[in-house]
C-alpha atoms as a PDB file:
ATOM      1  CA  MET A   1      96.344  80.707  81.439  1.00  0.00           C
ATOM      2  CA  SER A   2      98.342  83.182  80.076  1.00  0.00           C
ATOM      3  CA  TRP A   3     101.836  83.652  80.081  1.00  0.00           C
ATOM      4  CA  GLN A   4     101.424  87.300  82.242  1.00  0.00           C
ATOM      5  CA  HIS A   5      99.684  85.214  84.617  1.00  0.00           C
ATOM      6  CA  THR A   6     102.542  82.059  84.573  1.00  0.00           C
ATOM      7  CA  VAL A   7     105.296  84.279  84.843  1.00  0.00           C
ATOM      8  CA  GLU A   8     104.027  85.724  88.029  1.00  0.00           C
ATOM      9  CA  GLN A   9     103.385  82.218  89.374  1.00  0.00           C
ATOM     10  CA  THR A  10     106.956  81.943  88.538  1.00  0.00           C
ATOM     11  CA  VAL A  11     108.202  85.264  89.965  1.00  0.00           C
ATOM     12  CA  THR A  12     106.383  84.449  93.240  1.00  0.00           C
ATOM     13  CA  GLY A  13     107.117  80.196  93.213  1.00  0.00           C
ATOM     14  CA  MET A  14     110.517  81.857  93.339  1.00  0.00           C
ATOM     15  CA  GLY A  15     109.948  83.799  96.453  1.00  0.00           C
ATOM     16  CA  PHE A  16     109.535  87.478  95.357  1.00  0.00           C
ATOM     17  CA  ASP A  17     106.164  89.862  94.455  1.00  0.00           C
ATOM     18  CA  LEU A  18     106.366  90.111  90.841  1.00  0.00           C
ATOM     19  CA  VAL A  19     105.734  94.116  90.883  1.00  0.00           C
ATOM     20  CA  ASP A  20     105.448  94.899  87.563  1.00  0.00           C
ATOM     21  CA  LEU A  21     105.183  93.220  84.187  1.00  0.00           C
ATOM     22  CA  GLU A  22     105.324  95.954  81.197  1.00  0.00           C
ATOM     23  CA  ARG A  23     105.498  94.439  76.905  1.00  0.00           C
ATOM     24  CA  SER A  24     107.294  97.573  75.067  1.00  0.00           C
ATOM     25  CA  ALA A  25     107.485  98.329  71.355  1.00  0.00           C
ATOM     26  CA  GLY A  26     110.657  97.177  69.909  1.00  0.00           C
ATOM     27  CA  GLY A  27     110.168  94.162  71.967  1.00  0.00           C
ATOM     28  CA  LEU A  28     111.496  95.184  75.408  1.00  0.00           C
ATOM     29  CA  LEU A  29     109.610  92.885  78.399  1.00  0.00           C
ATOM     30  CA  ARG A  30     109.734  94.608  81.353  1.00  0.00           C
ATOM     31  CA  VAL A  31     109.347  92.123  84.622  1.00  0.00           C
ATOM     32  CA  THR A  32     109.830  94.473  87.957  1.00  0.00           C
ATOM     33  CA  ILE A  33     110.587  91.985  91.484  1.00  0.00           C
ATOM     34  CA  ASP A  34     110.562  92.721  95.389  1.00  0.00           C
ATOM     35  CA  TRP A  35     110.364  91.031  97.833  1.00  0.00           C
ATOM     36  CA  PRO A  36     107.432  90.348  99.739  1.00  0.00           C
ATOM     37  CA  TRP A  37     106.408  92.927 102.502  1.00  0.00           C
ATOM     38  CA  VAL A  38     105.961  92.075 105.370  1.00  0.00           C
ATOM     39  CA  ALA A  39     104.916  93.810 108.772  1.00  0.00           C
ATOM     40  CA  ALA A  40     106.911  95.121 111.412  1.00  0.00           C
ATOM     41  CA  SER A  41     110.471  93.792 109.589  1.00  0.00           C
ATOM     42  CA  SER A  42     113.582  95.434 109.558  1.00  0.00           C
ATOM     43  CA  PRO A  43     115.306  96.257 107.712  1.00  0.00           C
ATOM     44  CA  GLU A  44     113.782  95.814 104.606  1.00  0.00           C
ATOM     45  CA  ARG A  45     115.543  93.432 102.227  1.00  0.00           C
ATOM     46  CA  ALA A  46     116.525  94.623  98.825  1.00  0.00           C
ATOM     47  CA  ILE A  47     116.608  93.231  95.764  1.00  0.00           C
ATOM     48  CA  THR A  48     120.030  91.676  94.307  1.00  0.00           C
ATOM     49  CA  VAL A  49     122.230  91.852  91.095  1.00  0.00           C
ATOM     50  CA  GLU A  50     122.049  87.740  91.909  1.00  0.00           C
ATOM     51  CA  ASP A  51     118.090  87.481  92.199  1.00  0.00           C
ATOM     52  CA  CYS A  52     117.827  89.942  88.959  1.00  0.00           C
ATOM     53  CA  GLU A  53     119.453  86.632  86.870  1.00  0.00           C
ATOM     54  CA  ARG A  54     118.504  83.727  88.555  1.00  0.00           C
ATOM     55  CA  VAL A  55     115.078  85.281  87.436  1.00  0.00           C
ATOM     56  CA  THR A  56     116.064  86.091  84.361  1.00  0.00           C
ATOM     57  CA  ARG A  57     116.835  82.520  83.673  1.00  0.00           C
ATOM     58  CA  GLN A  58     113.858  81.328  84.964  1.00  0.00           C
ATOM     59  CA  LEU A  59     111.827  83.399  82.577  1.00  0.00           C
ATOM     60  CA  GLN A  60     114.000  83.502  79.453  1.00  0.00           C
ATOM     61  CA  LEU A  61     113.421  79.088  79.756  1.00  0.00           C
ATOM     62  CA  LEU A  62     109.471  79.751  80.740  1.00  0.00           C
ATOM     63  CA  LEU A  63     108.999  82.399  77.790  1.00  0.00           C
ATOM     64  CA  GLU A  64     110.704  79.648  74.889  1.00  0.00           C
ATOM     65  CA  VAL A  65     108.006  77.035  76.374  1.00  0.00           C
ATOM     66  CA  GLU A  66     104.995  79.325  76.146  1.00  0.00           C
ATOM     67  CA  ALA A  67     106.414  80.655  72.584  1.00  0.00           C
ATOM     68  CA  VAL A  68     106.110  84.435  73.664  1.00  0.00           C
ATOM     69  CA  ASP A  69     107.581  87.244  70.900  1.00  0.00           C
ATOM     70  CA  TYR A  70     110.180  89.133  72.158  1.00  0.00           C
ATOM     71  CA  LYS A  71     113.402  90.579  71.953  1.00  0.00           C
ATOM     72  CA  ARG A  72     115.415  91.138  74.985  1.00  0.00           C
ATOM     73  CA  LEU A  73     113.724  90.271  78.832  1.00  0.00           C
ATOM     74  CA  GLU A  74     114.614  93.393  81.321  1.00  0.00           C
ATOM     75  CA  VAL A  75     114.764  92.294  85.220  1.00  0.00           C
ATOM     76  CA  GLY A  76     114.809  94.851  87.872  1.00  0.00           C
ATOM     77  CA  SER A  77     113.683  95.912  91.205  1.00  0.00           C
ATOM     78  CA  PRO A  78     111.185  98.882  91.663  1.00  0.00           C
ATOM     79  CA  GLY A  79     111.899 102.671  91.395  1.00  0.00           C
ATOM     80  CA  ILE A  80     111.647 106.338  92.821  1.00  0.00           C
ATOM     81  CA  ASP A  81     108.150 106.042  91.035  1.00  0.00           C
ATOM     82  CA  ARG A  82     107.026 102.132  92.150  1.00  0.00           C
ATOM     83  CA  PRO A  83     103.708 100.747  91.458  1.00  0.00           C
ATOM     84  CA  LEU A  84     100.504 100.162  94.474  1.00  0.00           C
ATOM     85  CA  ARG A  85      98.853  97.327  93.521  1.00  0.00           C
ATOM     86  CA  HIS A  86      97.490  96.161  96.602  1.00  0.00           C
ATOM     87  CA  ALA A  87      95.780  96.938  99.522  1.00  0.00           C
ATOM     88  CA  ALA A  88     100.146  95.669 100.882  1.00  0.00           C
ATOM     89  CA  ASP A  89     101.831  98.612  98.785  1.00  0.00           C
ATOM     90  CA  PHE A  90      99.301 100.523 101.022  1.00  0.00           C
ATOM     91  CA  GLU A  91      99.853  99.377 104.147  1.00  0.00           C
ATOM     92  CA  ARG A  92     103.629  99.587 103.350  1.00  0.00           C
ATOM     93  CA  PHE A  93     103.419 102.995 102.485  1.00  0.00           C
ATOM     94  CA  VAL A  94     101.727 104.468 104.663  1.00  0.00           C
ATOM     95  CA  GLY A  95     103.138 108.357 105.017  1.00  0.00           C
ATOM     96  CA  SER A  96     105.187 108.437 101.762  1.00  0.00           C
ATOM     97  CA  VAL A  97     103.533 111.054  98.742  1.00  0.00           C
ATOM     98  CA  ILE A  98     101.625 109.056  96.598  1.00  0.00           C
ATOM     99  CA  ASP A  99     100.686 109.198  92.896  1.00  0.00           C
ATOM    100  CA  VAL A 100      97.223 108.931  91.863  1.00  0.00           C
ATOM    101  CA  THR A 101      94.821 108.826  88.861  1.00  0.00           C
ATOM    102  CA  LEU A 102      90.639 108.341  89.284  1.00  0.00           C
ATOM    103  CA  LYS A 103      89.227 105.822  86.678  1.00  0.00           C
ATOM    104  CA  GLN A 104      86.263 108.408  86.538  1.00  0.00           C
ATOM    105  CA  PRO A 105      86.257 112.712  87.226  1.00  0.00           C
ATOM    106  CA  ILE A 106      86.228 113.589  91.264  1.00  0.00           C
ATOM    107  CA  GLY A 107      82.704 115.386  90.476  1.00  0.00           C
ATOM    108  CA  ALA A 108      80.676 117.695  91.321  1.00  0.00           C
ATOM    109  CA  ALA A 109      78.797 116.583  94.472  1.00  0.00           C
ATOM    110  CA  VAL A 110      82.325 115.695  95.506  1.00  0.00           C
ATOM    111  CA  ALA A 111      84.238 118.707  94.605  1.00  0.00           C
ATOM    112  CA  ALA A 112      81.498 121.134  97.067  1.00  0.00           C
ATOM    113  CA  GLY A 113      82.128 119.284  99.353  1.00  0.00           C
ATOM    114  CA  GLY A 114      85.102 120.680 100.454  1.00  0.00           C
ATOM    115  CA  VAL A 115      87.391 119.331  98.248  1.00  0.00           C
ATOM    116  CA  ALA A 116      88.829 122.705  97.121  1.00  0.00           C
ATOM    117  CA  VAL A 117      89.679 121.251  93.007  1.00  0.00           C
ATOM    118  CA  ALA A 118      87.510 121.125  89.312  1.00  0.00           C
ATOM    119  CA  ALA A 119      85.214 117.853  88.988  1.00  0.00           C
ATOM    120  CA  SER A 120      87.061 116.883  85.854  1.00  0.00           C
ATOM    121  CA  ARG A 121      90.532 116.303  87.963  1.00  0.00           C
ATOM    122  CA  LYS A 122      91.604 113.034  87.499  1.00  0.00           C
ATOM    123  CA  LYS A 123      95.008 113.363  88.919  1.00  0.00           C
ATOM    124  CA  PHE A 124      96.261 114.048  92.549  1.00  0.00           C
ATOM    125  CA  ARG A 125      99.219 114.274  95.340  1.00  0.00           C
ATOM    126  CA  GLY A 126      99.147 114.045  97.989  1.00  0.00           C
ATOM    127  CA  THR A 127     100.557 111.633 101.326  1.00  0.00           C
ATOM    128  CA  LEU A 128      98.765 108.870 102.135  1.00  0.00           C
ATOM    129  CA  GLU A 129      97.209 108.251 105.217  1.00  0.00           C
ATOM    130  CA  ARG A 130      94.566 105.476 106.793  1.00  0.00           C
ATOM    131  CA  ALA A 131      91.011 106.999 107.429  1.00  0.00           C
ATOM    132  CA  THR A 132      89.342 107.264 110.515  1.00  0.00           C
ATOM    133  CA  ALA A 133      87.106 103.923 109.650  1.00  0.00           C
ATOM    134  CA  PRO A 134      83.564 105.431 110.705  1.00  0.00           C
ATOM    135  CA  GLU A 135      81.559 104.009 113.192  1.00  0.00           C
ATOM    136  CA  ALA A 136      79.146 101.447 113.291  1.00  0.00           C
ATOM    137  CA  ALA A 137      75.178 102.127 113.511  1.00  0.00           C
ATOM    138  CA  PRO A 138      74.342 100.034 116.926  1.00  0.00           C
ATOM    139  CA  GLU A 139      71.769  98.494 115.293  1.00  0.00           C
ATOM    140  CA  SER A 140      74.890  96.559 112.961  1.00  0.00           C
ATOM    141  CA  PRO A 141      74.797  93.598 113.439  1.00  0.00           C
ATOM    142  CA  PRO A 142      78.049  91.525 115.475  1.00  0.00           C
ATOM    143  CA  GLU A 143      78.828  89.781 111.640  1.00  0.00           C
ATOM    144  CA  SER A 144      79.150  92.787 110.160  1.00  0.00           C
ATOM    145  CA  ALA A 145      81.874  94.310 111.782  1.00  0.00           C
ATOM    146  CA  PRO A 146      85.517  93.432 109.960  1.00  0.00           C
ATOM    147  CA  GLU A 147      87.953  91.354 111.934  1.00  0.00           C
ATOM    148  CA  PRO A 148      90.412  92.872 114.073  1.00  0.00           C
ATOM    149  CA  GLY A 149      93.883  94.659 112.150  1.00  0.00           C
ATOM    150  CA  ALA A 150      91.573  94.500 109.373  1.00  0.00           C
ATOM    151  CA  VAL A 151      91.694  97.247 107.623  1.00  0.00           C
ATOM    152  CA  PRO A 152      88.247  98.085 104.605  1.00  0.00           C
ATOM    153  CA  ALA A 153      89.772  98.568 101.345  1.00  0.00           C
ATOM    154  CA  SER A 154      87.885 102.506 101.645  1.00  0.00           C
ATOM    155  CA  HIS A 155      89.090 103.910 104.860  1.00  0.00           C
ATOM    156  CA  TRP A 156      92.974 105.340 102.664  1.00  0.00           C
ATOM    157  CA  GLN A 157      92.712 108.912 101.822  1.00  0.00           C
ATOM    158  CA  ILE A 158      95.388 111.871 100.494  1.00  0.00           C
ATOM    159  CA  VAL A 159      96.002 114.530 102.210  1.00  0.00           C
ATOM    160  CA  TRP A 160      97.492 118.509 100.509  1.00  0.00           C
ATOM    161  CA  ARG A 161      98.213 121.732  99.420  1.00  0.00           C
ATOM    162  CA  GLU A 162      97.449 123.318  96.820  1.00  0.00           C
ATOM    163  CA  GLU A 163     100.787 125.398  96.516  1.00  0.00           C
ATOM    164  CA  PRO A 164     100.231 128.141  94.041  1.00  0.00           C
ATOM    165  CA  VAL A 165     102.550 128.895  91.363  1.00  0.00           C
ATOM    166  CA  ARG A 166     105.021 130.993  91.423  1.00  0.00           C
ATOM    167  CA  LYS A 167     108.180 132.258  89.454  1.00  0.00           C
ATOM    168  CA  PRO A 168     111.440 130.909  89.266  1.00  0.00           C
ATOM    169  CA  GLY A 169     113.252 132.376  92.010  1.00  0.00           C
ATOM    170  CA  GLN A 170     110.181 133.684  93.654  1.00  0.00           C
ATOM    171  CA  ARG A 171     110.419 133.093  97.713  1.00  0.00           C
ATOM    172  CA  PRO A 172     106.797 132.579  99.493  1.00  0.00           C
ATOM    173  CA  SER A 173     106.108 136.390 101.327  1.00  0.00           C
ATOM    174  CA  LYS A 174     106.889 136.105 105.508  1.00  0.00           C
ATOM    175  CA  LYS A 175     103.010 137.448 105.452  1.00  0.00           C
ATOM    176  CA  SER A 176     101.405 134.562 103.465  1.00  0.00           C
ATOM    177  CA  GLN A 177      98.858 131.817 105.084  1.00  0.00           C
ATOM    178  CA  PRO A 178      99.499 127.984 104.955  1.00  0.00           C
ATOM    179  CA  LEU A 179      96.261 127.083 102.845  1.00  0.00           C
ATOM    180  CA  PRO A 180      94.515 125.142 104.341  1.00  0.00           C
ATOM    181  CA  LEU A 181      94.935 120.829 103.693  1.00  0.00           C
ATOM    182  CA  GLN A 182      92.594 118.637 101.093  1.00  0.00           C
ATOM    183  CA  VAL A 183      91.698 115.074 102.018  1.00  0.00           C
ATOM    184  CA  LEU A 184      90.986 113.439  99.140  1.00  0.00           C
ATOM    185  CA  GLY A 185      89.262 109.627 100.223  1.00  0.00           C
ATOM    186  CA  PHE A 186      89.278 106.575  97.773  1.00  0.00           C
ATOM    187  CA  GLU A 187      88.809 103.279  97.541  1.00  0.00           C
ATOM    188  CA  LEU A 188      91.445 100.820  95.723  1.00  0.00           C
ATOM    189  CA  SER A 189      88.659  99.938  92.779  1.00  0.00           C
ATOM    190  CA  GLU A 190      88.331 103.265  92.721  1.00  0.00           C
ATOM    191  CA  LEU A 191      91.955 104.193  91.182  1.00  0.00           C
ATOM    192  CA  ARG A 192      93.206 103.508  87.812  1.00  0.00           C
ATOM    193  CA  GLU A 193      97.057 103.860  88.510  1.00  0.00           C
ATOM    194  CA  ALA A 194      98.852 104.871  92.222  1.00  0.00           C
ATOM    195  CA  ARG A 195     102.259 105.249  92.299  1.00  0.00           C
ATOM    196  CA  LEU A 196     105.070 106.485  94.352  1.00  0.00           C
ATOM    197  CA  ALA A 197     105.524 110.570  93.428  1.00  0.00           C
ATOM    198  CA  PRO A 198     109.702 110.313  92.031  1.00  0.00           C
ATOM    199  CA  ILE A 199     110.434 113.187  94.057  1.00  0.00           C
ATOM    200  CA  VAL A 200     114.221 112.973  94.969  1.00  0.00           C
ATOM    201  CA  ASN A 201     116.320 115.274  97.129  1.00  0.00           C
ATOM    202  CA  PHE A 202     120.672 116.276  97.095  1.00  0.00           C
ATOM    203  CA  LYS A 203     120.227 113.478  99.823  1.00  0.00           C
ATOM    204  CA  GLY A 204     118.534 110.582  98.047  1.00  0.00           C
ATOM    205  CA  ARG A 205     114.613 109.503  98.355  1.00  0.00           C
ATOM    206  CA  SER A 206     112.336 110.086 101.948  1.00  0.00           C
ATOM    207  CA  ALA A 207     112.517 108.746 104.632  1.00  0.00           C
ATOM    208  CA  THR A 208     109.188 107.400 103.710  1.00  0.00           C
ATOM    209  CA  ALA A 209     109.780 105.797 101.619  1.00  0.00           C
ATOM    210  CA  PRO A 210     112.370 103.286 100.410  1.00  0.00           C
ATOM    211  CA  ALA A 211     116.120 104.013  97.587  1.00  0.00           C
ATOM    212  CA  ALA A 212     115.528 102.281  95.155  1.00  0.00           C
ATOM    213  CA  PRO A 213     118.627 100.139  94.607  1.00  0.00           C
ATOM    214  CA  THR A 214     121.922 101.055  93.294  1.00  0.00           C
ATOM    215  CA  ALA A 215     124.052  98.992  90.450  1.00  0.00           C
ATOM    216  CA  GLU A 216     126.558  98.284  93.203  1.00  0.00           C
ATOM    217  CA  ALA A 217     123.644  97.218  95.317  1.00  0.00           C
ATOM    218  CA  GLY A 218     121.297  95.827  92.947  1.00  0.00           C
ATOM    219  CA  GLY A 219     119.412  96.797  90.002  1.00  0.00           C
ATOM    220  CA  SER A 220     117.806  95.585  86.858  1.00  0.00           C
ATOM    221  CA  HIS A 221     120.049  93.034  84.582  1.00  0.00           C
ATOM    222  CA  THR A 222     119.052  92.171  80.844  1.00  0.00           C
ATOM    223  CA  GLY A 223     118.700  88.923  79.132  1.00  0.00           C
ATOM    224  CA  LYS A 224     118.760  89.055  75.837  1.00  0.00           C
ATOM    225  CA  ALA A 225     116.100  86.278  73.755  1.00  0.00           C
ATOM    226  CA  ASP A 226     118.651  84.399  72.258  1.00  0.00           C
ATOM    227  CA  PRO A 227     118.840  83.776  68.304  1.00  0.00           C
ATOM    228  CA  LYS A 228     116.793  81.930  66.842  1.00  0.00           C
END
């Protein structure tokens, strides 16, 4: 079992979700945690400094046992560019603006089929939606039908408008017509990476995605490896 898998087991065993695990140059080990998401649960729980401290202490003991070489351990809550890795993450952030990177370019066939973008394009930004599930064919056997309430992995899409590039300070003309919506459907297996778009305004993050905890309400705790 790899040390990464052991870290995930430890974090989940403490009741948290492991959102991300990074090992950066210079010996920094960054662990991002969150409370598990429960549909229709309101309000969502925020990660606190105390939560990060508890996980830090536990991981320091684990990493010493696993003989993992690192100089600094940082445990924190997700930021505004939170990664989306699992189906539950996409369920949670339906309606949010996300950035997706495909494993392969969109391809000429798809581009010619209604998505007005270059065939070599891989990166897109749009509002996450559930795609309409195709109707089952009459001859399909009953056992092939999905379970009630289940959302197949392929039924996701993002929608966006390709806004024209404007010069700084240039305002759109009152006579300009809204550009048509573009739609890109995808399966989670087709994604190399997906994240919440790091969009902020003077009022903070939009209501479609939760704001990252502040230093007072949450944040990160850094633990340094004990000198040998």
